[in-house]
Amino acid sequence: MAADPVRNGQADRSRSPKKVIVKDEDLLDGHSAETIFRSTASHSGYTYDDLICLPGQITFGVHDVCLDSPFTKKITLKTPLVSSPMDTVTEAKMAIAMALQGGIGVIHTNLAVEEQAQEVMKVKRFKSGFITDALCILPTMNLLELDQLSTRCGFTSFPVTEDGKMGSQLLGLVTKRDTDFVQKRDTTTVAEVMTPFDKVVRAEEGVELPDANEILRKSKKGKLLVASKDGKFLSLVARADLRKNEDFPLATKDKNKNLMVAAAVGTRPADRDRVRLLVSAGVDAIVVDSSQGDSVFQHEMVKWMKQEFPELQVIAGNVVTRLQAKHLLECGADALRVGMGIGSICTTQEVCACGRAQASAVYNVARLAKEYGAPIIADGGISSPGHIVKALSLGAGTAMCGSLLAGTEETPGEYFYSDSGARLKRYRGMGSIDAMKKGSDDRYFGTAATVKVAQGVSGTVQDKGPINRYVPYLIQGLKHGMQDIGAKSVDELRAQLYTGQLRFELRSAAAQREGGVHNLHSFERKLFN
């Protein structure tokens, strides 16, 4: 009988591979966020670009990703995006567009108190499909002036009101059909050719959109004017906008089914009256707007608001350290805004030598705020969907965007063209001299200063199109990023962060170059089709 090689102490010479059992946790590459940001061996601050998220396992489709995430303790967004309270980014038009897409807008404070409250009311009164800020004209305007206005704004039908404004007596409607064949355009007035009030297609205040659409369909007209019982012009429904009848499933709405909106205030004594008026206008959250939020002025303001209006959601900031965060959270803040000196138009770090790299700030503040049950808003440093993914991966509830949204149709200001033909809009930091002259110097504690020191610049950004096309691109990019990480929801992403399952690596300068477009003679960047 042949000898047993094992029994004789000889090695097993079988060619079958041995089954090696290795646990998943032994194969984790990279590092946890805690290792990177809380290590005593490192003395560096990290930006979003310094980090890369390592991929996980995909077990679900991109359409299954849930982006629901907290904006404040009591407000949850279906799209974790917030438009910044900058005077070249957010007024009512932007706030409406953001809320319809599932985010929220913060109305800037570089407005008179009454004007800011009016912007809030525009958002709260908005009804999908109804144009509540239609461009009205005076009956005394001549047709030559009308032609120039039409060329400038791109449409040809205008409601005619007594004083040329919304809310005044409706006199009629003038369209291209009324003016096409008129010869003496410099002497003929709108009143002479318009369709008068008693002949325009109109509906009374309170009409629902399906009924308004039915009136348009039966009349075969292009515009329906909505007026009060006493003839005041309130809104307009356009046939071209019938597609707006579709529901917005992600829309951020309050318990009364109205869109939600936030507004920014300062910390001066007069800002308490501003808060009172904003609350009466229906604002859902107040953002205390300061570049350095850990001040006695803001402590007092937050405490006063929470005492005066207990249900009002108060967002404090800006902060970048855990100690700053602790002070404001103990004052009763419902959320924190995190970021200092890292925006594309901000020069605070350069001028004041104060601030923090954004990835380090977001992780450290979010970890502390979690203990208080308060979400944080990652404010600044975001220039792509990938940066939003990283902000949420580091514990942020939402991402606040300024430059990312600047240049969209809904931002304040007019488009103009550069010498090269590029379509541009102006964009400026709230710390720029131009913005400070309008009142934002309070944000930098410079109201009484004789010499104003700029902590921001003014510039231009390229046209990005309408929000209803741009934000879905950002959402889809965010969903793809979370799918690659292996997180089906923002809650799951956050759980992976704090258990150490979510892994990161630091990137060298060469790795950052390699991660972008390179080695091409030229290329064209198209964000979406």
Protein backbone atom coordinates (compact mmCIF):
# COMPACT_ATOMS: atom_id res chain seq x y z
CA MET A 1 0.00 0.00 0.00
CA ALA A 2 1.29 3.46 -0.90
CA ALA A 3 2.58 5.65 1.90
CA ASP A 4 0.34 8.53 3.17
CA PRO A 5 2.34 11.73 2.50
CA VAL A 6 0.50 13.70 5.18
CA ARG A 7 0.91 10.94 7.74
CA ASN A 8 4.62 10.77 6.90
CA GLY A 9 4.99 14.51 7.52
CA GLN A 10 5.42 15.41 3.87
CA ALA A 11 3.85 18.59 2.41
CA ASP A 12 0.55 18.29 0.52
CA ARG A 13 1.45 18.48 -3.17
CA SER A 14 -2.15 18.80 -4.41
CA ARG A 15 -2.54 21.30 -7.27
CA SER A 16 -5.98 22.44 -6.05
CA PRO A 17 -5.79 26.01 -4.67
CA LYS A 18 -6.41 26.39 -0.98
CA LYS A 19 -9.52 28.39 0.02
CA VAL A 20 -8.29 31.47 1.83
CA ILE A 21 -10.85 33.09 4.12
CA VAL A 22 -10.32 36.85 4.47
CA LYS A 23 -12.79 39.05 6.29
CA ASP A 24 -14.10 42.15 4.50
CA GLU A 25 -12.92 44.41 7.31
CA ASP A 26 -9.36 43.22 6.70
CA LEU A 27 -9.56 44.46 3.11
CA LEU A 28 -10.63 48.04 3.77
CA ASP A 29 -8.43 50.44 1.79
CA GLY A 30 -8.04 54.09 2.61
CA HIS A 31 -8.91 55.65 5.96
CA SER A 32 -11.94 56.62 7.97
CA ALA A 33 -12.77 60.33 8.24
CA GLU A 34 -11.93 60.20 11.93
CA THR A 35 -8.42 58.93 11.18
CA ILE A 36 -7.84 61.72 8.66
CA PHE A 37 -9.36 64.66 10.52
CA ARG A 38 -8.75 63.77 14.16
CA SER A 39 -5.22 62.41 13.87
CA THR A 40 -2.73 64.19 16.12
CA ALA A 41 0.02 63.37 13.61
CA SER A 42 -1.41 65.75 11.02
CA HIS A 43 -1.46 69.52 11.37
CA SER A 44 -3.03 70.31 7.98
CA GLY A 45 -6.49 71.47 7.03
CA TYR A 46 -8.09 69.70 4.07
CA THR A 47 -10.30 70.97 1.27
CA TYR A 48 -12.76 68.93 -0.79
CA ASP A 49 -10.16 68.52 -3.54
CA ASP A 50 -7.65 67.07 -1.08
CA LEU A 51 -9.95 64.07 -0.55
CA ILE A 52 -11.39 61.32 -2.70
CA CYS A 53 -14.16 58.94 -1.59
CA LEU A 54 -13.34 55.29 -2.23
CA PRO A 55 -16.04 53.26 -4.00
CA GLY A 56 -18.19 50.72 -2.20
CA GLN A 57 -20.43 47.97 -3.53
CA ILE A 58 -23.40 48.81 -5.77
CA THR A 59 -26.54 46.84 -4.90
CA PHE A 60 -29.19 49.28 -6.18
CA GLY A 61 -30.03 51.48 -9.15
CA VAL A 62 -29.30 55.19 -9.31
CA HIS A 63 -33.06 55.85 -9.37
CA ASP A 64 -33.32 54.21 -5.92
CA VAL A 65 -31.10 56.80 -4.23
CA CYS A 66 -32.98 58.92 -1.67
CA LEU A 67 -31.63 62.45 -1.09
CA ASP A 68 -33.93 63.45 1.79
CA SER A 69 -31.80 65.35 4.29
CA PRO A 70 -32.33 67.85 7.13
CA PHE A 71 -32.01 71.59 6.53
CA THR A 72 -32.87 72.42 10.15
CA LYS A 73 -34.17 70.41 13.09
CA LYS A 74 -37.72 70.64 11.73
CA ILE A 75 -37.30 71.20 7.98
CA THR A 76 -36.28 68.35 5.67
CA LEU A 77 -35.44 68.83 2.00
CA LYS A 78 -35.83 66.23 -0.74
CA THR A 79 -32.94 67.89 -2.57
CA PRO A 80 -30.11 68.93 -0.20
CA LEU A 81 -29.34 72.20 -1.99
CA VAL A 82 -29.71 75.74 -0.64
CA SER A 83 -29.22 78.93 -2.62
CA SER A 84 -26.99 81.42 -0.86
CA PRO A 85 -28.30 84.75 0.55
CA MET A 86 -26.28 86.86 -1.89
CA ASP A 87 -27.69 89.83 -3.80
CA THR A 88 -26.58 88.33 -7.12
CA VAL A 89 -28.03 84.88 -6.32
CA THR A 90 -31.27 84.74 -4.32
CA GLU A 91 -34.44 86.75 -4.51
CA ALA A 92 -38.01 85.43 -4.92
CA LYS A 93 -37.52 84.04 -8.41
CA MET A 94 -34.57 81.86 -7.32
CA ALA A 95 -36.26 80.86 -4.06
CA ILE A 96 -39.35 79.68 -5.96
CA ALA A 97 -37.27 77.71 -8.46
CA MET A 98 -35.20 76.07 -5.71
CA ALA A 99 -38.26 75.11 -3.65
CA LEU A 100 -39.94 73.55 -6.69
CA GLN A 101 -36.86 71.38 -7.21
CA GLY A 102 -36.90 70.21 -3.58
CA GLY A 103 -34.32 72.64 -2.19
CA ILE A 104 -34.79 76.04 -0.56
CA GLY A 105 -33.65 79.61 -1.18
CA VAL A 106 -32.47 82.21 1.34
CA ILE A 107 -33.53 85.77 0.42
CA HIS A 108 -30.56 88.13 0.88
CA THR A 109 -30.63 91.01 3.35
CA ASN A 110 -29.28 93.76 1.02
CA LEU A 111 -32.86 94.98 0.64
CA ALA A 112 -35.06 97.40 2.51
CA VAL A 113 -37.06 95.61 5.20
CA GLU A 114 -40.34 95.95 3.29
CA GLU A 115 -38.75 94.79 0.04
CA GLN A 116 -37.31 91.67 1.65
CA ALA A 117 -40.68 90.84 3.21
CA GLN A 118 -42.30 91.35 -0.19
CA GLU A 119 -39.87 88.84 -1.74
CA VAL A 120 -40.82 86.32 0.97
CA MET A 121 -44.53 86.86 0.27
CA LYS A 122 -43.99 86.27 -3.45
CA VAL A 123 -42.64 82.82 -2.64
CA LYS A 124 -45.38 81.98 -0.12
CA ARG A 125 -48.13 83.08 -2.53
CA PHE A 126 -46.69 81.30 -5.54
CA LYS A 127 -48.95 78.82 -7.30
CA SER A 128 -47.46 76.57 -9.96
CA GLY A 129 -48.48 77.75 -13.42
CA PHE A 130 -49.48 81.27 -12.33
CA ILE A 131 -47.12 84.13 -13.22
CA THR A 132 -47.30 86.53 -10.28
CA ASP A 133 -44.53 88.89 -11.37
CA ALA A 134 -45.67 89.62 -14.92
CA LEU A 135 -44.14 92.66 -16.61
CA CYS A 136 -46.90 95.28 -16.87
CA ILE A 137 -46.88 98.45 -18.94
CA LEU A 138 -48.55 101.87 -18.86
CA PRO A 139 -51.36 102.73 -21.31
CA THR A 140 -49.42 105.86 -22.33
CA MET A 141 -46.41 103.92 -23.68
CA ASN A 142 -46.01 104.35 -27.44
CA LEU A 143 -45.52 101.39 -29.77
CA LEU A 144 -41.90 102.28 -30.54
CA GLU A 145 -41.10 101.98 -26.83
CA LEU A 146 -43.12 98.75 -26.73
CA ASP A 147 -41.03 97.33 -29.58
CA GLN A 148 -37.84 98.13 -27.69
CA LEU A 149 -39.19 96.52 -24.51
CA SER A 150 -40.25 93.43 -26.44
CA THR A 151 -36.80 93.07 -28.00
CA ARG A 152 -35.13 93.48 -24.62
CA CYS A 153 -37.24 90.99 -22.66
CA GLY A 154 -38.02 88.45 -25.40
CA PHE A 155 -41.84 88.31 -25.35
CA THR A 156 -44.62 90.19 -27.09
CA SER A 157 -47.71 90.21 -24.83
CA PHE A 158 -48.07 92.62 -21.90
CA PRO A 159 -50.84 93.32 -19.38
CA VAL A 160 -51.72 97.03 -19.29
CA THR A 161 -52.40 98.47 -15.85
CA GLU A 162 -53.17 101.90 -14.46
CA ASP A 163 -49.68 102.50 -13.04
CA GLY A 164 -47.72 99.87 -15.00
CA LYS A 165 -47.40 97.56 -11.97
CA MET A 166 -48.86 94.34 -10.61
CA GLY A 167 -51.75 94.84 -8.18
CA SER A 168 -53.14 97.97 -9.82
CA GLN A 169 -56.26 98.37 -11.96
CA LEU A 170 -56.20 96.12 -15.03
CA LEU A 171 -57.00 98.09 -18.21
CA GLY A 172 -56.34 95.54 -20.92
CA LEU A 173 -53.83 93.36 -22.77
CA VAL A 174 -51.62 94.25 -25.73
CA THR A 175 -50.20 91.53 -28.00
CA LYS A 176 -48.22 91.36 -31.23
CA ARG A 177 -51.48 90.81 -33.06
CA ASP A 178 -52.73 94.22 -31.87
CA THR A 179 -49.65 96.13 -33.05
CA ASP A 180 -48.41 94.31 -36.16
CA PHE A 181 -49.82 96.60 -38.84
CA VAL A 182 -49.68 99.97 -37.09
CA GLN A 183 -47.53 102.42 -39.05
CA LYS A 184 -47.05 105.47 -36.81
CA ARG A 185 -45.39 103.64 -33.95
CA ASP A 186 -43.80 106.68 -32.29
CA THR A 187 -47.13 108.49 -31.85
CA THR A 188 -49.60 105.62 -31.37
CA THR A 189 -50.10 104.66 -27.71
CA VAL A 190 -50.82 101.26 -26.23
CA ALA A 191 -54.24 102.45 -25.05
CA GLU A 192 -55.30 103.02 -28.67
CA VAL A 193 -54.62 99.45 -29.86
CA MET A 194 -54.87 97.17 -26.80
CA THR A 195 -57.66 94.68 -26.18
CA PRO A 196 -59.70 96.46 -23.46
CA PHE A 197 -60.54 94.99 -20.05
CA ASP A 198 -64.09 93.92 -20.95
CA LYS A 199 -62.84 91.88 -23.92
CA VAL A 200 -59.74 90.14 -22.53
CA VAL A 201 -59.94 86.52 -21.45
CA ARG A 202 -59.84 86.66 -17.68
CA ALA A 203 -60.74 84.82 -14.49
CA GLU A 204 -61.44 85.89 -10.93
CA GLU A 205 -59.06 85.54 -8.02
CA GLY A 206 -59.04 82.01 -6.57
CA VAL A 207 -59.33 80.15 -9.87
CA GLU A 208 -57.52 76.79 -9.82
CA LEU A 209 -54.96 75.93 -12.48
CA PRO A 210 -56.99 73.12 -14.17
CA ASP A 211 -59.94 75.53 -14.53
CA ALA A 212 -57.63 78.26 -15.85
CA ASN A 213 -56.21 75.87 -18.41
CA GLU A 214 -59.71 74.87 -19.49
CA ILE A 215 -60.67 78.53 -20.03
CA LEU A 216 -57.58 78.98 -22.21
CA ARG A 217 -58.36 75.84 -24.18
CA LYS A 218 -61.93 76.90 -24.90
CA SER A 219 -61.05 80.52 -25.72
CA LYS A 220 -58.15 79.49 -28.01
CA LYS A 221 -56.22 82.48 -26.66
CA GLY A 222 -52.62 82.59 -25.48
CA LYS A 223 -53.06 84.46 -22.18
CA LEU A 224 -55.49 84.37 -19.27
CA LEU A 225 -55.47 87.34 -16.88
CA VAL A 226 -56.48 86.79 -13.26
CA ALA A 227 -58.00 89.80 -11.50
CA SER A 228 -59.68 90.53 -8.18
CA LYS A 229 -63.39 91.34 -7.96
CA ASP A 230 -62.59 95.05 -8.11
CA GLY A 231 -60.40 94.61 -11.21
CA LYS A 232 -56.90 94.60 -9.69
CA PHE A 233 -54.42 92.55 -11.78
CA LEU A 234 -53.05 89.60 -9.76
CA SER A 235 -51.52 87.00 -12.08
CA LEU A 236 -51.33 85.58 -15.56
CA VAL A 237 -51.53 82.09 -17.06
CA ALA A 238 -49.85 81.51 -20.43
CA ARG A 239 -50.70 78.74 -22.89
CA ALA A 240 -46.97 78.21 -23.44
CA ASP A 241 -46.69 77.36 -19.72
CA LEU A 242 -49.42 74.71 -19.64
CA ARG A 243 -46.72 72.13 -19.01
CA LYS A 244 -46.33 73.75 -15.58
CA ASN A 245 -49.58 72.02 -14.68
CA GLU A 246 -47.47 68.96 -13.94
CA ASP A 247 -46.81 68.24 -10.31
CA PHE A 248 -43.46 68.92 -8.68
CA PRO A 249 -43.09 65.81 -6.49
CA LEU A 250 -39.93 67.09 -4.81
CA ALA A 251 -41.28 70.56 -3.96
CA THR A 252 -40.47 71.88 -0.48
CA LYS A 253 -43.84 72.85 1.03
CA ASP A 254 -45.20 73.76 4.45
CA LYS A 255 -48.27 72.26 6.12
CA ASN A 256 -50.49 74.62 4.09
CA LYS A 257 -48.98 73.35 0.82
CA ASN A 258 -47.18 76.66 0.20
CA LEU A 259 -43.55 76.74 -0.89
CA MET A 260 -41.02 77.19 1.91
CA VAL A 261 -38.50 80.02 2.00
CA ALA A 262 -35.77 81.33 4.29
CA ALA A 263 -34.42 84.86 4.68
CA ALA A 264 -31.19 86.39 5.99
CA VAL A 265 -30.89 89.04 8.69
CA GLY A 266 -28.03 90.79 10.48
CA THR A 267 -27.39 91.26 14.19
CA ARG A 268 -28.14 94.97 14.63
CA PRO A 269 -30.97 96.03 16.99
CA ALA A 270 -32.95 97.18 13.94
CA ASP A 271 -32.82 93.63 12.57
CA ARG A 272 -35.29 92.56 15.25
CA ASP A 273 -37.95 94.62 13.48
CA ARG A 274 -36.84 92.97 10.23
CA VAL A 275 -37.38 89.54 11.78
CA ARG A 276 -40.86 90.50 13.00
CA LEU A 277 -41.89 91.66 9.52
CA LEU A 278 -40.41 88.54 7.87
CA VAL A 279 -42.27 86.28 10.28
CA SER A 280 -45.53 88.12 9.53
CA ALA A 281 -44.78 87.62 5.81
CA GLY A 282 -44.62 83.85 6.42
CA VAL A 283 -40.88 83.11 6.38
CA ASP A 284 -40.06 79.52 7.42
CA ALA A 285 -36.47 79.98 8.58
CA ILE A 286 -34.14 82.84 9.43
CA VAL A 287 -30.42 82.75 8.62
CA VAL A 288 -28.30 85.03 10.79
CA ASP A 289 -25.86 86.30 8.18
CA SER A 290 -22.35 86.88 9.53
CA SER A 291 -18.91 85.90 8.30
CA GLN A 292 -17.86 85.15 11.90
CA GLY A 293 -20.86 83.89 13.82
CA ASP A 294 -19.40 83.41 17.29
CA SER A 295 -20.11 86.91 18.56
CA VAL A 296 -22.09 88.21 21.51
CA PHE A 297 -24.28 90.06 19.01
CA GLN A 298 -25.32 86.82 17.34
CA HIS A 299 -25.69 84.98 20.66
CA GLU A 300 -28.19 87.62 21.78
CA MET A 301 -29.99 87.60 18.41
CA VAL A 302 -30.43 83.82 18.36
CA LYS A 303 -31.66 83.71 21.96
CA TRP A 304 -34.12 86.55 21.29
CA MET A 305 -35.57 84.87 18.17
CA LYS A 306 -36.02 81.51 19.89
CA GLN A 307 -37.73 83.22 22.83
CA GLU A 308 -39.89 85.53 20.70
CA PHE A 309 -40.77 82.97 18.00
CA PRO A 310 -40.27 79.45 19.44
CA GLU A 311 -41.45 77.69 16.26
CA LEU A 312 -39.24 79.73 13.93
CA GLN A 313 -36.26 77.78 12.62
CA VAL A 314 -33.07 79.75 13.29
CA ILE A 315 -29.84 79.04 11.41
CA ALA A 316 -26.73 80.49 13.03
CA GLY A 317 -23.23 81.01 11.69
CA ASN A 318 -20.92 81.11 10.03
CA VAL A 319 -18.62 78.87 12.08
CA VAL A 320 -15.68 76.58 11.33
CA THR A 321 -14.60 75.28 14.74
CA ARG A 322 -16.25 73.04 17.31
CA LEU A 323 -16.03 75.69 20.03
CA GLN A 324 -17.76 78.28 17.85
CA ALA A 325 -20.44 75.71 17.07
CA LYS A 326 -20.97 74.82 20.74
CA HIS A 327 -21.58 78.45 21.71
CA LEU A 328 -24.29 78.92 19.06
CA LEU A 329 -25.93 75.55 19.61
CA GLU A 330 -26.25 76.33 23.30
CA CYS A 331 -28.03 79.57 22.35
CA GLY A 332 -30.72 77.44 20.69
CA ALA A 333 -29.71 77.38 16.99
CA ASP A 334 -31.69 74.87 14.89
CA ALA A 335 -28.87 74.49 12.35
CA LEU A 336 -25.40 75.84 11.68
CA ARG A 337 -23.90 77.36 8.57
CA VAL A 338 -20.29 76.22 8.15
CA GLY A 339 -17.59 77.95 6.09
CA MET A 340 -15.29 80.94 6.32
CA GLY A 341 -13.25 82.45 3.54
CA ILE A 342 -13.55 79.60 1.02
CA GLY A 343 -16.06 80.92 -1.54
CA SER A 344 -14.85 81.64 -5.07
CA ILE A 345 -15.40 85.39 -4.55
CA CYS A 346 -14.35 85.51 -0.88
CA THR A 347 -11.02 86.96 0.28
CA THR A 348 -11.49 86.70 4.06
CA GLN A 349 -8.63 84.23 4.52
CA GLU A 350 -6.34 86.37 2.40
CA VAL A 351 -7.26 89.71 4.00
CA CYS A 352 -7.93 88.66 7.60
CA ALA A 353 -5.74 85.54 7.89
CA CYS A 354 -8.70 83.79 9.49
CA GLY A 355 -10.84 80.85 8.39
CA ARG A 356 -10.43 77.13 7.79
CA ALA A 357 -10.15 74.62 4.95
CA GLN A 358 -13.72 73.56 4.22
CA ALA A 359 -13.53 69.75 4.42
CA SER A 360 -11.92 69.97 7.86
CA ALA A 361 -14.50 72.53 9.01
CA VAL A 362 -17.49 70.51 7.78
CA TYR A 363 -16.39 67.21 9.36
CA ASN A 364 -15.44 68.64 12.74
CA VAL A 365 -18.47 70.90 13.18
CA ALA A 366 -20.92 68.26 11.86
CA ARG A 367 -19.61 65.72 14.36
CA LEU A 368 -20.27 68.08 17.26
CA ALA A 369 -23.63 69.33 15.94
CA LYS A 370 -24.79 65.72 15.67
CA GLU A 371 -24.62 65.47 19.47
CA TYR A 372 -27.10 68.39 19.69
CA GLY A 373 -29.40 66.95 17.02
CA ALA A 374 -28.73 69.91 14.74
CA PRO A 375 -27.78 69.62 11.05
CA ILE A 376 -25.14 71.76 9.39
CA ILE A 377 -25.13 73.57 6.06
CA ALA A 378 -21.84 73.33 4.16
CA ASP A 379 -21.52 76.88 2.84
CA GLY A 380 -18.94 77.61 0.13
CA GLY A 381 -16.20 75.89 -1.78
CA ILE A 382 -18.66 73.95 -3.98
CA SER A 383 -18.06 74.09 -7.71
CA SER A 384 -19.33 70.68 -8.91
CA PRO A 385 -21.71 67.84 -7.99
CA GLY A 386 -18.66 65.97 -6.67
CA HIS A 387 -18.11 68.64 -4.02
CA ILE A 388 -21.74 68.22 -2.90
CA VAL A 389 -21.14 64.46 -2.56
CA LYS A 390 -18.06 65.15 -0.43
CA ALA A 391 -19.89 67.69 1.75
CA LEU A 392 -22.65 65.17 2.54
CA SER A 393 -20.02 62.42 2.99
CA LEU A 394 -18.41 64.54 5.72
CA GLY A 395 -21.64 64.96 7.67
CA ALA A 396 -23.36 68.01 6.17
CA GLY A 397 -27.15 67.95 5.92
CA THR A 398 -27.24 70.30 2.93
CA ALA A 399 -24.91 72.26 0.69
CA MET A 400 -25.29 76.02 0.24
CA CYS A 401 -24.35 77.20 -3.24
CA GLY A 402 -23.51 80.66 -4.53
CA SER A 403 -21.18 80.55 -7.52
CA LEU A 404 -22.57 77.15 -8.54
CA LEU A 405 -26.00 78.72 -9.11
CA ALA A 406 -24.81 82.17 -10.23
CA GLY A 407 -25.47 82.76 -13.91
CA THR A 408 -28.76 80.84 -14.00
CA GLU A 409 -31.82 82.61 -15.37
CA GLU A 410 -33.39 82.99 -11.94
CA THR A 411 -30.56 85.02 -10.39
CA PRO A 412 -31.04 88.81 -10.12
CA GLY A 413 -29.52 90.97 -12.85
CA GLU A 414 -29.42 91.10 -16.62
CA TYR A 415 -27.36 89.04 -19.05
CA PHE A 416 -24.75 90.75 -21.19
CA TYR A 417 -22.19 89.59 -23.71
CA SER A 418 -18.39 89.59 -23.48
CA ASP A 419 -16.16 90.59 -26.39
CA SER A 420 -15.79 86.89 -27.23
CA GLY A 421 -19.56 86.44 -27.40
CA ALA A 422 -20.02 84.58 -24.10
CA ARG A 423 -23.34 85.28 -22.34
CA LEU A 424 -22.57 86.47 -18.81
CA LYS A 425 -24.10 87.69 -15.55
CA ARG A 426 -22.51 89.67 -12.76
CA TYR A 427 -21.64 87.86 -9.53
CA ARG A 428 -20.12 89.37 -6.41
CA GLY A 429 -19.23 88.45 -2.87
CA MET A 430 -21.20 90.03 -0.03
CA GLY A 431 -17.85 91.22 1.28
CA SER A 432 -17.06 93.11 -1.93
CA ILE A 433 -17.03 96.92 -1.80
CA ASP A 434 -20.02 97.05 -4.19
CA ALA A 435 -22.13 94.84 -1.92
CA MET A 436 -20.98 96.61 1.24
CA LYS A 437 -22.18 99.92 -0.14
CA LYS A 438 -25.67 98.41 -0.30
CA GLY A 439 -25.59 97.36 3.36
CA SER A 440 -23.83 94.01 3.71
CA ASP A 441 -20.97 95.58 5.70
CA ASP A 442 -22.98 94.65 8.80
CA ARG A 443 -22.14 91.04 7.98
CA TYR A 444 -18.48 91.92 8.55
CA PHE A 445 -19.08 94.17 11.59
CA GLY A 446 -18.10 97.21 9.51
CA THR A 447 -21.19 99.42 9.66
CA ALA A 448 -19.47 102.25 11.56
CA ALA A 449 -16.04 101.88 9.96
CA THR A 450 -14.69 104.91 8.11
CA VAL A 451 -12.58 102.72 5.83
CA LYS A 452 -14.33 99.64 4.47
CA VAL A 453 -11.99 96.66 3.96
CA ALA A 454 -13.17 94.35 1.19
CA GLN A 455 -13.43 90.65 2.01
CA GLY A 456 -14.74 89.71 -1.42
CA VAL A 457 -14.57 90.59 -5.10
CA SER A 458 -16.96 91.30 -7.97
CA GLY A 459 -16.80 89.32 -11.20
CA THR A 460 -18.80 87.61 -13.92
CA VAL A 461 -20.03 84.06 -14.51
CA GLN A 462 -21.21 82.33 -17.65
CA ASP A 463 -24.87 81.62 -18.42
CA LYS A 464 -25.99 78.25 -16.95
CA GLY A 465 -29.58 78.28 -18.20
CA PRO A 466 -32.73 77.82 -16.09
CA ILE A 467 -32.78 76.18 -12.66
CA ASN A 468 -35.31 73.58 -13.82
CA ARG A 469 -32.64 72.16 -16.14
CA TYR A 470 -29.51 72.86 -14.10
CA VAL A 471 -30.55 71.50 -10.69
CA PRO A 472 -31.67 68.10 -12.10
CA TYR A 473 -28.13 67.76 -13.50
CA LEU A 474 -26.72 68.42 -10.01
CA ILE A 475 -29.19 65.95 -8.48
CA GLN A 476 -28.30 63.22 -10.96
CA GLY A 477 -24.57 63.74 -10.40
CA LEU A 478 -25.13 63.53 -6.64
CA LYS A 479 -27.11 60.31 -7.00
CA HIS A 480 -24.41 58.71 -9.17
CA GLY A 481 -21.78 59.65 -6.60
CA MET A 482 -23.74 58.08 -3.76
CA GLN A 483 -24.37 54.97 -5.84
CA ASP A 484 -20.63 54.56 -6.47
CA ILE A 485 -19.99 54.92 -2.73
CA GLY A 486 -22.66 52.30 -2.03
CA ALA A 487 -25.02 54.51 0.01
CA LYS A 488 -28.70 54.31 -0.90
CA SER A 489 -29.68 57.37 1.14
CA VAL A 490 -28.12 60.35 2.87
CA ASP A 491 -28.91 58.72 6.22
CA GLU A 492 -27.02 55.60 5.13
CA LEU A 493 -24.14 57.73 3.90
CA ARG A 494 -23.95 59.41 7.29
CA ALA A 495 -24.07 56.05 9.08
CA GLN A 496 -21.17 54.79 6.95
CA LEU A 497 -19.22 57.94 7.82
CA TYR A 498 -19.50 57.50 11.57
CA THR A 499 -18.95 53.71 11.60
CA GLY A 500 -15.80 54.05 9.49
CA GLN A 501 -17.24 52.03 6.59
CA LEU A 502 -16.97 55.08 4.32
CA ARG A 503 -13.33 55.34 3.31
CA PHE A 504 -11.28 58.27 2.03
CA GLU A 505 -7.81 58.85 0.67
CA LEU A 506 -5.79 62.02 0.55
CA ARG A 507 -4.78 63.06 -2.95
CA SER A 508 -1.42 64.37 -4.01
CA ALA A 509 -1.22 67.27 -6.46
CA ALA A 510 -0.47 64.73 -9.21
CA ALA A 511 -3.51 62.66 -8.23
CA GLN A 512 -5.71 65.74 -8.42
CA ARG A 513 -4.41 66.52 -11.91
CA GLU A 514 -4.96 62.90 -12.94
CA GLY A 515 -8.55 63.05 -11.64
CA GLY A 516 -9.43 65.91 -13.99
CA VAL A 517 -9.40 66.30 -17.76
CA HIS A 518 -5.81 66.03 -19.01
CA ASN A 519 -3.55 65.22 -21.98
CA LEU A 520 -5.91 66.72 -24.58
CA HIS A 521 -5.10 69.35 -27.16
CA SER A 522 -8.54 70.87 -26.60
CA PHE A 523 -11.95 69.81 -25.35
CA GLU A 524 -15.49 71.07 -24.92
CA ARG A 525 -17.19 70.64 -21.55
CA LYS A 526 -20.95 70.00 -21.75
CA LEU A 527 -22.52 69.57 -18.33
CA PHE A 528 -25.80 68.01 -19.53
CA ASN A 529 -27.93 67.64 -22.63
